[in-house]
C-alpha atoms as a PDB file:
ATOM      1  CA  UNK A   1      86.939 119.478 154.851  1.00  0.00           C
ATOM      2  CA  UNK A   2      88.655 116.491 153.238  1.00  0.00           C
ATOM      3  CA  UNK A   3      91.465 117.455 150.887  1.00  0.00           C
ATOM      4  CA  UNK A   4      94.831 116.378 149.515  1.00  0.00           C
ATOM      5  CA  UNK A   5      98.264 117.998 149.659  1.00  0.00           C
ATOM      6  CA  UNK A   6      99.888 117.950 146.235  1.00  0.00           C
ATOM      7  CA  UNK A   7     103.481 118.870 145.334  1.00  0.00           C
ATOM      8  CA  UNK A   8     105.110 119.412 141.949  1.00  0.00           C
ATOM      9  CA  UNK A   9     108.880 119.279 142.461  1.00  0.00           C
ATOM     10  CA  UNK A  10     110.921 121.201 139.909  1.00  0.00           C
ATOM     11  CA  UNK A  11     114.538 122.209 139.626  1.00  0.00           C
ATOM     12  CA  UNK A  12     113.703 125.866 140.260  1.00  0.00           C
ATOM     13  CA  UNK A  13     110.435 125.821 142.193  1.00  0.00           C
ATOM     14  CA  UNK A  14     108.280 123.543 144.297  1.00  0.00           C
ATOM     15  CA  UNK A  15     104.656 124.192 143.404  1.00  0.00           C
ATOM     16  CA  UNK A  16     102.037 123.061 145.849  1.00  0.00           C
ATOM     17  CA  UNK A  17      98.282 122.955 146.201  1.00  0.00           C
ATOM     18  CA  UNK A  18      95.575 121.765 148.516  1.00  0.00           C
ATOM     19  CA  UNK A  19      93.036 120.101 146.226  1.00  0.00           C
ATOM     20  CA  UNK A  20      89.732 118.318 146.552  1.00  0.00           C
ATOM     21  CA  UNK A  21      89.068 115.002 144.818  1.00  0.00           C
ATOM     22  CA  UNK A  22      87.835 116.743 141.670  1.00  0.00           C
ATOM     23  CA  UNK A  23      91.226 118.518 141.299  1.00  0.00           C
ATOM     24  CA  UNK A  24      89.839 121.884 142.340  1.00  0.00           C
ATOM     25  CA  UNK A  25      92.599 123.967 143.896  1.00  0.00           C
ATOM     26  CA  UNK A  26      91.606 125.245 147.330  1.00  0.00           C
ATOM     27  CA  UNK A  27      95.019 126.707 148.124  1.00  0.00           C
ATOM     28  CA  UNK A  28      98.080 127.053 145.903  1.00  0.00           C
ATOM     29  CA  UNK A  29     101.513 128.581 145.879  1.00  0.00           C
ATOM     30  CA  UNK A  30     105.159 128.018 145.065  1.00  0.00           C
ATOM     31  CA  UNK A  31     108.568 128.555 146.601  1.00  0.00           C
ATOM     32  CA  UNK A  32     112.173 128.092 145.572  1.00  0.00           C
ATOM     33  CA  UNK A  33     113.450 124.523 145.568  1.00  0.00           C
ATOM     34  CA  UNK A  34     116.027 124.209 148.360  1.00  0.00           C
ATOM     35  CA  UNK A  35     119.619 123.900 147.191  1.00  0.00           C
ATOM     36  CA  UNK A  36     121.081 122.877 150.550  1.00  0.00           C
ATOM     37  CA  UNK A  37     120.145 119.202 150.410  1.00  0.00           C
ATOM     38  CA  UNK A  38     117.627 116.547 151.354  1.00  0.00           C
ATOM     39  CA  UNK A  39     117.062 117.668 154.953  1.00  0.00           C
ATOM     40  CA  UNK A  40     116.169 121.203 153.865  1.00  0.00           C
ATOM     41  CA  UNK A  41     113.874 119.805 151.181  1.00  0.00           C
ATOM     42  CA  UNK A  42     112.002 117.528 153.587  1.00  0.00           C
ATOM     43  CA  UNK A  43     111.690 120.323 156.148  1.00  0.00           C
ATOM     44  CA  UNK A  44     110.209 122.605 153.475  1.00  0.00           C
ATOM     45  CA  UNK A  45     107.528 120.051 152.571  1.00  0.00           C
ATOM     46  CA  UNK A  46     106.815 119.350 156.229  1.00  0.00           C
ATOM     47  CA  UNK A  47     106.259 123.031 157.002  1.00  0.00           C
ATOM     48  CA  UNK A  48     103.896 123.467 154.063  1.00  0.00           C
ATOM     49  CA  UNK A  49     101.826 120.474 155.191  1.00  0.00           C
ATOM     50  CA  UNK A  50     101.739 121.762 158.769  1.00  0.00           C
ATOM     51  CA  UNK A  51     100.605 125.176 157.533  1.00  0.00           C
ATOM     52  CA  UNK A  52      97.356 123.726 156.170  1.00  0.00           C
ATOM     53  CA  UNK A  53      96.801 120.720 158.445  1.00  0.00           C
ATOM     54  CA  UNK A  54      94.543 122.685 160.809  1.00  0.00           C
ATOM     55  CA  UNK A  55      92.305 124.074 158.060  1.00  0.00           C
ATOM     56  CA  UNK A  56      91.841 120.881 156.044  1.00  0.00           C
ATOM     57  CA  UNK A  57      91.372 117.207 156.812  1.00  0.00           C
ATOM     58  CA  UNK A  58      94.356 116.109 154.714  1.00  0.00           C
ATOM     59  CA  UNK A  59      93.931 112.589 153.341  1.00  0.00           C
ATOM     60  CA  UNK A  60      97.436 112.222 152.012  1.00  0.00           C
ATOM     61  CA  UNK A  61     100.242 113.666 149.909  1.00  0.00           C
ATOM     62  CA  UNK A  62     100.635 113.328 146.153  1.00  0.00           C
ATOM     63  CA  UNK A  63     103.992 114.174 144.590  1.00  0.00           C
ATOM     64  CA  UNK A  64     105.067 114.841 141.022  1.00  0.00           C
ATOM     65  CA  UNK A  65     108.825 114.464 140.579  1.00  0.00           C
ATOM     66  CA  UNK A  66     111.502 114.463 137.887  1.00  0.00           C
ATOM     67  CA  UNK A  67     113.533 111.314 137.361  1.00  0.00           C
ATOM     68  CA  UNK A  68     112.802 107.637 136.858  1.00  0.00           C
ATOM     69  CA  UNK A  69     110.239 107.145 139.594  1.00  0.00           C
ATOM     70  CA  UNK A  70     109.598 103.652 140.912  1.00  0.00           C
ATOM     71  CA  UNK A  71     106.027 104.041 142.129  1.00  0.00           C
ATOM     72  CA  UNK A  72     106.197 100.781 144.094  1.00  0.00           C
ATOM     73  CA  UNK A  73     109.285 101.586 146.166  1.00  0.00           C
ATOM     74  CA  UNK A  74     109.097 105.386 146.188  1.00  0.00           C
ATOM     75  CA  UNK A  75     112.706 105.588 145.003  1.00  0.00           C
ATOM     76  CA  UNK A  76     113.609 108.128 142.302  1.00  0.00           C
ATOM     77  CA  UNK A  77     116.248 106.851 139.892  1.00  0.00           C
ATOM     78  CA  UNK A  78     117.956 108.583 136.999  1.00  0.00           C
ATOM     79  CA  UNK A  79     119.173 112.152 137.323  1.00  0.00           C
ATOM     80  CA  UNK A  80     117.707 115.634 137.523  1.00  0.00           C
ATOM     81  CA  UNK A  81     118.520 119.191 138.531  1.00  0.00           C
ATOM     82  CA  UNK A  82     117.898 118.145 142.158  1.00  0.00           C
ATOM     83  CA  UNK A  83     120.560 115.486 142.859  1.00  0.00           C
ATOM     84  CA  UNK A  84     119.621 114.861 146.488  1.00  0.00           C
ATOM     85  CA  UNK A  85     116.167 113.443 145.704  1.00  0.00           C
ATOM     86  CA  UNK A  86     117.625 110.431 143.894  1.00  0.00           C
ATOM     87  CA  UNK A  87     118.314 107.051 145.429  1.00  0.00           C
ATOM     88  CA  UNK A  88     116.296 107.502 148.615  1.00  0.00           C
ATOM     89  CA  UNK A  89     112.855 106.221 149.582  1.00  0.00           C
ATOM     90  CA  UNK A  90     111.165 109.562 149.049  1.00  0.00           C
ATOM     91  CA  UNK A  91     107.627 108.457 149.854  1.00  0.00           C
ATOM     92  CA  UNK A  92     108.809 106.829 153.066  1.00  0.00           C
ATOM     93  CA  UNK A  93     110.741 109.914 154.142  1.00  0.00           C
ATOM     94  CA  UNK A  94     107.821 112.267 153.462  1.00  0.00           C
ATOM     95  CA  UNK A  95     105.374 109.990 155.257  1.00  0.00           C
ATOM     96  CA  UNK A  96     107.766 109.790 158.222  1.00  0.00           C
ATOM     97  CA  UNK A  97     107.899 113.600 158.430  1.00  0.00           C
ATOM     98  CA  UNK A  98     104.189 114.266 157.978  1.00  0.00           C
ATOM     99  CA  UNK A  99     102.397 111.123 159.097  1.00  0.00           C
ATOM    100  CA  UNK A 100     100.431 111.125 155.843  1.00  0.00           C
ATOM    101  CA  UNK A 101     100.179 108.424 153.190  1.00  0.00           C
ATOM    102  CA  UNK A 102     102.308 109.537 150.241  1.00  0.00           C
ATOM    103  CA  UNK A 103     102.518 108.551 146.577  1.00  0.00           C
ATOM    104  CA  UNK A 104     104.951 109.738 143.936  1.00  0.00           C
ATOM    105  CA  UNK A 105     104.889 109.695 140.146  1.00  0.00           C
ATOM    106  CA  UNK A 106     107.143 110.980 137.364  1.00  0.00           C
ATOM    107  CA  UNK A 107     106.272 114.522 136.311  1.00  0.00           C
ATOM    108  CA  UNK A 108     105.748 113.732 132.626  1.00  0.00           C
ATOM    109  CA  UNK A 109     103.522 110.804 133.559  1.00  0.00           C
ATOM    110  CA  UNK A 110     101.565 113.140 135.816  1.00  0.00           C
ATOM    111  CA  UNK A 111     100.995 115.508 132.908  1.00  0.00           C
ATOM    112  CA  UNK A 112      99.692 112.635 130.801  1.00  0.00           C
ATOM    113  CA  UNK A 113      97.444 111.381 133.588  1.00  0.00           C
ATOM    114  CA  UNK A 114      95.931 114.831 133.993  1.00  0.00           C
ATOM    115  CA  UNK A 115      95.127 115.075 130.303  1.00  0.00           C
ATOM    116  CA  UNK A 116      93.580 111.607 130.210  1.00  0.00           C
ATOM    117  CA  UNK A 117      91.519 112.236 133.335  1.00  0.00           C
ATOM    118  CA  UNK A 118      90.079 115.661 132.639  1.00  0.00           C
ATOM    119  CA  UNK A 119      91.917 117.232 129.707  1.00  0.00           C
ATOM    120  CA  UNK A 120      92.765 117.048 126.029  1.00  0.00           C
ATOM    121  CA  UNK A 121      93.018 113.233 125.951  1.00  0.00           C
ATOM    122  CA  UNK A 122      89.860 112.492 127.913  1.00  0.00           C
ATOM    123  CA  UNK A 123      88.200 109.447 126.354  1.00  0.00           C
ATOM    124  CA  UNK A 124      91.317 108.548 124.316  1.00  0.00           C
ATOM    125  CA  UNK A 125      92.762 105.055 124.841  1.00  0.00           C
ATOM    126  CA  UNK A 126      96.154 105.518 123.193  1.00  0.00           C
ATOM    127  CA  UNK A 127      98.132 108.745 123.178  1.00  0.00           C
ATOM    128  CA  UNK A 128     101.510 110.231 123.933  1.00  0.00           C
ATOM    129  CA  UNK A 129     102.362 113.385 125.794  1.00  0.00           C
ATOM    130  CA  UNK A 130     105.581 115.251 124.930  1.00  0.00           C
ATOM    131  CA  UNK A 131     106.748 117.736 127.556  1.00  0.00           C
ATOM    132  CA  UNK A 132     109.112 120.426 126.270  1.00  0.00           C
ATOM    133  CA  UNK A 133     111.111 122.380 128.816  1.00  0.00           C
ATOM    134  CA  UNK A 134     114.711 122.339 130.025  1.00  0.00           C
ATOM    135  CA  UNK A 135     114.846 118.982 128.276  1.00  0.00           C
ATOM    136  CA  UNK A 136     112.224 116.841 126.571  1.00  0.00           C
ATOM    137  CA  UNK A 137     110.316 114.204 128.484  1.00  0.00           C
ATOM    138  CA  UNK A 138     107.091 112.432 127.887  1.00  0.00           C
ATOM    139  CA  UNK A 139     104.722 109.614 128.537  1.00  0.00           C
ATOM    140  CA  UNK A 140     103.022 106.855 126.596  1.00  0.00           C
ATOM    141  CA  UNK A 141      99.485 105.848 127.515  1.00  0.00           C
ATOM    142  CA  UNK A 142      98.312 102.597 125.936  1.00  0.00           C
ATOM    143  CA  UNK A 143      94.899 101.134 126.696  1.00  0.00           C
ATOM    144  CA  UNK A 144      94.617 103.598 129.578  1.00  0.00           C
ATOM    145  CA  UNK A 145      97.896 102.361 131.089  1.00  0.00           C
ATOM    146  CA  UNK A 146     101.219 104.153 131.550  1.00  0.00           C
ATOM    147  CA  UNK A 147     103.907 102.323 129.585  1.00  0.00           C
ATOM    148  CA  UNK A 148     106.796 102.441 132.065  1.00  0.00           C
ATOM    149  CA  UNK A 149     109.285 100.164 130.330  1.00  0.00           C
ATOM    150  CA  UNK A 150     111.667  97.569 131.744  1.00  0.00           C
ATOM    151  CA  UNK A 151     113.962 100.267 133.198  1.00  0.00           C
ATOM    152  CA  UNK A 152     111.259 102.864 133.957  1.00  0.00           C
ATOM    153  CA  UNK A 153     112.349 104.888 130.923  1.00  0.00           C
ATOM    154  CA  UNK A 154     109.220 104.494 128.809  1.00  0.00           C
ATOM    155  CA  UNK A 155     108.393 107.867 127.279  1.00  0.00           C
ATOM    156  CA  UNK A 156     111.873 109.351 127.732  1.00  0.00           C
ATOM    157  CA  UNK A 157     111.718 110.749 124.216  1.00  0.00           C
ATOM    158  CA  UNK A 158     114.451 113.295 124.872  1.00  0.00           C
ATOM    159  CA  UNK A 159     117.127 110.595 124.680  1.00  0.00           C
ATOM    160  CA  UNK A 160     116.425 109.966 120.979  1.00  0.00           C
ATOM    161  CA  UNK A 161     119.467 110.789 118.834  1.00  0.00           C
ATOM    162  CA  UNK A 162     118.426 113.225 116.148  1.00  0.00           C
ATOM    163  CA  UNK A 163     121.341 113.110 113.705  1.00  0.00           C
ATOM    164  CA  UNK A 164     124.705 114.792 113.222  1.00  0.00           C
ATOM    165  CA  UNK A 165     127.210 115.177 114.737  1.00  0.00           C
ATOM    166  CA  UNK A 166     127.503 111.391 114.690  1.00  0.00           C
ATOM    167  CA  UNK A 167     131.024 111.625 116.097  1.00  0.00           C
ATOM    168  CA  UNK A 168     129.342 112.794 119.332  1.00  0.00           C
ATOM    169  CA  UNK A 169     125.851 111.277 119.097  1.00  0.00           C
ATOM    170  CA  UNK A 170     124.917 111.937 122.736  1.00  0.00           C
ATOM    171  CA  UNK A 171     125.331 115.642 122.060  1.00  0.00           C
ATOM    172  CA  UNK A 172     122.624 115.394 119.410  1.00  0.00           C
ATOM    173  CA  UNK A 173     119.755 113.997 121.470  1.00  0.00           C
ATOM    174  CA  UNK A 174     116.314 115.505 121.052  1.00  0.00           C
ATOM    175  CA  UNK A 175     116.657 117.248 124.421  1.00  0.00           C
ATOM    176  CA  UNK A 176     119.972 118.770 123.359  1.00  0.00           C
ATOM    177  CA  UNK A 177     118.713 120.109 120.043  1.00  0.00           C
ATOM    178  CA  UNK A 178     114.968 120.783 120.421  1.00  0.00           C
ATOM    179  CA  UNK A 179     114.185 121.731 124.018  1.00  0.00           C
ATOM    180  CA  UNK A 180     113.372 125.226 125.217  1.00  0.00           C
ATOM    181  CA  UNK A 181     116.812 125.251 126.822  1.00  0.00           C
ATOM    182  CA  UNK A 182     118.417 124.371 123.476  1.00  0.00           C
ATOM    183  CA  UNK A 183     116.546 127.234 121.804  1.00  0.00           C
ATOM    184  CA  UNK A 184     117.688 129.742 124.423  1.00  0.00           C
ATOM    185  CA  UNK A 185     121.319 128.620 124.280  1.00  0.00           C
ATOM    186  CA  UNK A 186     121.357 128.783 120.487  1.00  0.00           C
ATOM    187  CA  UNK A 187     120.016 132.342 120.430  1.00  0.00           C
ATOM    188  CA  UNK A 188     122.504 133.413 123.116  1.00  0.00           C
ATOM    189  CA  UNK A 189     125.368 131.840 121.173  1.00  0.00           C
ATOM    190  CA  UNK A 190     124.429 133.452 117.882  1.00  0.00           C
ATOM    191  CA  UNK A 191     123.862 136.845 119.486  1.00  0.00           C
ATOM    192  CA  UNK A 192     127.137 136.560 121.464  1.00  0.00           C
ATOM    193  CA  UNK A 193     125.299 136.936 124.754  1.00  0.00           C
ATOM    194  CA  UNK A 194     126.426 135.622 128.116  1.00  0.00           C
ATOM    195  CA  UNK A 195     124.824 132.325 129.071  1.00  0.00           C
ATOM    196  CA  UNK A 196     121.767 132.921 131.249  1.00  0.00           C
ATOM    197  CA  UNK A 197     120.915 136.270 129.660  1.00  0.00           C
ATOM    198  CA  UNK A 198     117.749 134.965 128.012  1.00  0.00           C
ATOM    199  CA  UNK A 199     114.927 132.562 128.729  1.00  0.00           C
ATOM    200  CA  UNK A 200     112.204 131.099 126.530  1.00  0.00           C
ATOM    201  CA  UNK A 201     109.799 133.991 127.013  1.00  0.00           C
ATOM    202  CA  UNK A 202     112.479 136.535 126.117  1.00  0.00           C
ATOM    203  CA  UNK A 203     113.433 134.633 122.969  1.00  0.00           C
ATOM    204  CA  UNK A 204     109.840 134.604 121.698  1.00  0.00           C
ATOM    205  CA  UNK A 205     109.481 138.264 122.610  1.00  0.00           C
ATOM    206  CA  UNK A 206     112.586 139.083 120.570  1.00  0.00           C
ATOM    207  CA  UNK A 207     111.097 137.206 117.626  1.00  0.00           C
ATOM    208  CA  UNK A 208     107.842 139.141 117.912  1.00  0.00           C
ATOM    209  CA  UNK A 209     109.845 142.368 117.901  1.00  0.00           C
ATOM    210  CA  UNK A 210     111.484 141.399 114.617  1.00  0.00           C
ATOM    211  CA  UNK A 211     114.780 139.919 115.763  1.00  0.00           C
ATOM    212  CA  UNK A 212     115.912 137.796 112.816  1.00  0.00           C
ATOM    213  CA  UNK A 213     118.196 135.526 114.817  1.00  0.00           C
ATOM    214  CA  UNK A 214     115.430 134.658 117.261  1.00  0.00           C
ATOM    215  CA  UNK A 215     113.002 134.073 114.398  1.00  0.00           C
ATOM    216  CA  UNK A 216     115.480 131.807 112.602  1.00  0.00           C
ATOM    217  CA  UNK A 217     116.212 129.761 115.729  1.00  0.00           C
ATOM    218  CA  UNK A 218     112.512 129.307 116.486  1.00  0.00           C
ATOM    219  CA  UNK A 219     111.870 128.159 112.908  1.00  0.00           C
ATOM    220  CA  UNK A 220     114.682 125.635 113.286  1.00  0.00           C
ATOM    221  CA  UNK A 221     113.200 124.496 116.587  1.00  0.00           C
ATOM    222  CA  UNK A 222     109.879 123.723 114.888  1.00  0.00           C
ATOM    223  CA  UNK A 223     111.672 121.584 112.295  1.00  0.00           C
ATOM    224  CA  UNK A 224     113.584 119.626 114.930  1.00  0.00           C
ATOM    225  CA  UNK A 225     110.460 119.052 116.978  1.00  0.00           C
ATOM    226  CA  UNK A 226     108.516 117.968 113.910  1.00  0.00           C
ATOM    227  CA  UNK A 227     111.165 115.403 112.945  1.00  0.00           C
ATOM    228  CA  UNK A 228     111.074 113.822 116.396  1.00  0.00           C
ATOM    229  CA  UNK A 229     107.278 113.776 116.415  1.00  0.00           C
ATOM    230  CA  UNK A 230     107.247 112.227 112.941  1.00  0.00           C
ATOM    231  CA  UNK A 231     109.512 109.429 114.221  1.00  0.00           C
ATOM    232  CA  UNK A 232     107.303 108.823 117.257  1.00  0.00           C
ATOM    233  CA  UNK A 233     104.146 108.719 115.157  1.00  0.00           C
ATOM    234  CA  UNK A 234     105.576 106.068 112.864  1.00  0.00           C
ATOM    235  CA  UNK A 235     107.107 104.089 115.742  1.00  0.00           C
ATOM    236  CA  UNK A 236     104.107 104.187 118.084  1.00  0.00           C
ATOM    237  CA  UNK A 237     101.156 105.380 115.951  1.00  0.00           C
ATOM    238  CA  UNK A 238      99.155 106.937 118.811  1.00  0.00           C
ATOM    239  CA  UNK A 239      95.680 108.322 118.371  1.00  0.00           C
ATOM    240  CA  UNK A 240      96.747 111.689 119.777  1.00  0.00           C
ATOM    241  CA  UNK A 241     100.001 113.534 120.302  1.00  0.00           C
ATOM    242  CA  UNK A 242      99.884 116.180 123.007  1.00  0.00           C
ATOM    243  CA  UNK A 243     102.465 118.890 123.652  1.00  0.00           C
ATOM    244  CA  UNK A 244     103.083 120.055 127.210  1.00  0.00           C
ATOM    245  CA  UNK A 245     105.515 122.373 128.933  1.00  0.00           C
ATOM    246  CA  UNK A 246     105.636 126.148 128.978  1.00  0.00           C
ATOM    247  CA  UNK A 247     105.822 126.542 125.192  1.00  0.00           C
ATOM    248  CA  UNK A 248     102.567 124.645 124.736  1.00  0.00           C
ATOM    249  CA  UNK A 249     100.663 127.728 125.913  1.00  0.00           C
ATOM    250  CA  UNK A 250     101.707 129.525 122.736  1.00  0.00           C
ATOM    251  CA  UNK A 251      99.349 128.889 119.828  1.00  0.00           C
ATOM    252  CA  UNK A 252     102.084 129.903 117.402  1.00  0.00           C
ATOM    253  CA  UNK A 253     104.268 127.036 118.642  1.00  0.00           C
ATOM    254  CA  UNK A 254     101.565 124.426 118.048  1.00  0.00           C
ATOM    255  CA  UNK A 255     100.809 125.962 114.656  1.00  0.00           C
ATOM    256  CA  UNK A 256     104.503 126.070 113.751  1.00  0.00           C
ATOM    257  CA  UNK A 257     105.052 122.404 114.618  1.00  0.00           C
ATOM    258  CA  UNK A 258     101.951 121.363 112.655  1.00  0.00           C
ATOM    259  CA  UNK A 259     103.102 123.400 109.679  1.00  0.00           C
ATOM    260  CA  UNK A 260     106.401 121.522 109.642  1.00  0.00           C
ATOM    261  CA  UNK A 261     104.648 118.169 110.111  1.00  0.00           C
ATOM    262  CA  UNK A 262     102.436 118.870 107.118  1.00  0.00           C
ATOM    263  CA  UNK A 263     105.571 119.422 105.048  1.00  0.00           C
ATOM    264  CA  UNK A 264     106.907 115.963 105.953  1.00  0.00           C
ATOM    265  CA  UNK A 265     104.190 114.153 103.997  1.00  0.00           C
ATOM    266  CA  UNK A 266     104.852 112.578 100.612  1.00  0.00           C
ATOM    267  CA  UNK A 267     103.610 109.668  98.471  1.00  0.00           C
ATOM    268  CA  UNK A 268     105.093 107.134 100.899  1.00  0.00           C
ATOM    269  CA  UNK A 269     104.766 108.928 104.242  1.00  0.00           C
ATOM    270  CA  UNK A 270     101.045 109.547 104.057  1.00  0.00           C
ATOM    271  CA  UNK A 271     100.003 109.539 107.707  1.00  0.00           C
ATOM    272  CA  UNK A 272      98.271 112.656 108.915  1.00  0.00           C
ATOM    273  CA  UNK A 273     100.349 113.837 111.886  1.00  0.00           C
ATOM    274  CA  UNK A 274      99.097 116.672 114.048  1.00  0.00           C
ATOM    275  CA  UNK A 275      99.773 117.807 117.587  1.00  0.00           C
ATOM    276  CA  UNK A 276      97.625 119.678 120.041  1.00  0.00           C
ATOM    277  CA  UNK A 277      98.390 121.441 123.275  1.00  0.00           C
ATOM    278  CA  UNK A 278      97.880 119.927 126.677  1.00  0.00           C
ATOM    279  CA  UNK A 279      94.933 121.591 128.344  1.00  0.00           C
ATOM    280  CA  UNK A 280      96.232 122.121 131.841  1.00  0.00           C
ATOM    281  CA  UNK A 281      99.618 123.745 131.293  1.00  0.00           C
ATOM    282  CA  UNK A 282     101.421 124.458 134.548  1.00  0.00           C
ATOM    283  CA  UNK A 283      98.746 122.703 136.628  1.00  0.00           C
ATOM    284  CA  UNK A 284      99.038 119.382 134.788  1.00  0.00           C
ATOM    285  CA  UNK A 285     101.607 117.836 137.128  1.00  0.00           C
ATOM    286  CA  UNK A 286      99.557 118.705 140.196  1.00  0.00           C
ATOM    287  CA  UNK A 287      96.361 117.290 138.712  1.00  0.00           C
ATOM    288  CA  UNK A 288      98.069 114.127 137.504  1.00  0.00           C
ATOM    289  CA  UNK A 289      99.800 113.554 140.838  1.00  0.00           C
ATOM    290  CA  UNK A 290      96.426 113.780 142.552  1.00  0.00           C
ATOM    291  CA  UNK A 291      94.892 111.334 140.069  1.00  0.00           C
ATOM    292  CA  UNK A 292      97.713 108.911 140.745  1.00  0.00           C
ATOM    293  CA  UNK A 293      97.154 109.153 144.500  1.00  0.00           C
ATOM    294  CA  UNK A 294      93.407 108.671 144.245  1.00  0.00           C
ATOM    295  CA  UNK A 295      93.812 105.590 142.096  1.00  0.00           C
ATOM    296  CA  UNK A 296      96.741 103.989 143.851  1.00  0.00           C
ATOM    297  CA  UNK A 297      97.350 104.888 147.481  1.00  0.00           C
ATOM    298  CA  UNK A 298      99.565 101.834 147.940  1.00  0.00           C
ATOM    299  CA  UNK A 299     101.693 102.242 144.833  1.00  0.00           C
ATOM    300  CA  UNK A 300     100.910  98.802 143.369  1.00  0.00           C
ATOM    301  CA  UNK A 301      97.880  99.168 141.117  1.00  0.00           C
ATOM    302  CA  UNK A 302      98.613 102.226 139.033  1.00  0.00           C
ATOM    303  CA  UNK A 303      99.679 100.367 135.887  1.00  0.00           C
ATOM    304  CA  UNK A 304      95.984 100.599 135.122  1.00  0.00           C
ATOM    305  CA  UNK A 305      94.212 103.939 135.119  1.00  0.00           C
ATOM    306  CA  UNK A 306      90.667 104.623 136.171  1.00  0.00           C
ATOM    307  CA  UNK A 307      88.780 102.910 138.954  1.00  0.00           C
ATOM    308  CA  UNK A 308      88.535 104.685 142.280  1.00  0.00           C
ATOM    309  CA  UNK A 309      87.897 108.115 140.822  1.00  0.00           C
ATOM    310  CA  UNK A 310      85.626 106.662 138.133  1.00  0.00           C
ATOM    311  CA  UNK A 311      86.305 109.698 135.993  1.00  0.00           C
ATOM    312  CA  UNK A 312      88.526 108.565 133.149  1.00  0.00           C
ATOM    313  CA  UNK A 313      85.614 108.536 130.737  1.00  0.00           C
ATOM    314  CA  UNK A 314      82.339 110.174 131.690  1.00  0.00           C
END
């Protein structure tokens, strides 16, 4: 059976799936991202591919990765929680280990591709996807094309400076003040807890149980997210604004952001601004990586979406 090996590389886990060309998962799993270095990482991917090579006629490998991915060269620029993946020809190294054609795309771009192919943005020409997690990333899709930017930083919304303290502006980026990680750290600080005690799920659970500090920090998070989204709407004016990342699964988060956005309207700022959740959640990066592979096996044509799969708009 023809299928595709798909990897979603994260700082904590590598998620993987064997998928058919419709993005149906035939096999899936995850394992801890190696900390030892590049050789351990490549060996891990190689072993996963070998595990399923006898059961499926693997057509290639699609990878979703953090960082500033150059889809033409396969080199991952920028920085991430996995330092050893940067600055090397990742697609070339994986192909050398497995013998399979490999493509790679930025994880936030993958999430956007998934939503445009089969999800919440299907049939939409111009939208942005904001991914909220350890930091804040994103993607801009204009006329069914990923806007990469001159330095491959198109859609890196988390770098936006959100205000005081202006004496240290880079400590007030959107990622620093409005990510899930920022929320967790703020609750830990205010509750005098050791760093690493909480995570996003625990913070929301505390709020549901009546913890006033958690509730206050979440309310502040909604305001900070709404301000950034307001800025993006007026700068880019997309048709849709999608929210991805783990928090997007919570309806109260989407409702809370929209409540704050509604409060930002006045006689001058009259645009209706509303967000909605990405449809695919934790599977978005896998689906988008597959879409990227199917539409651009050589890494040179994927500035334009659609085509080979013929499924952007049904």
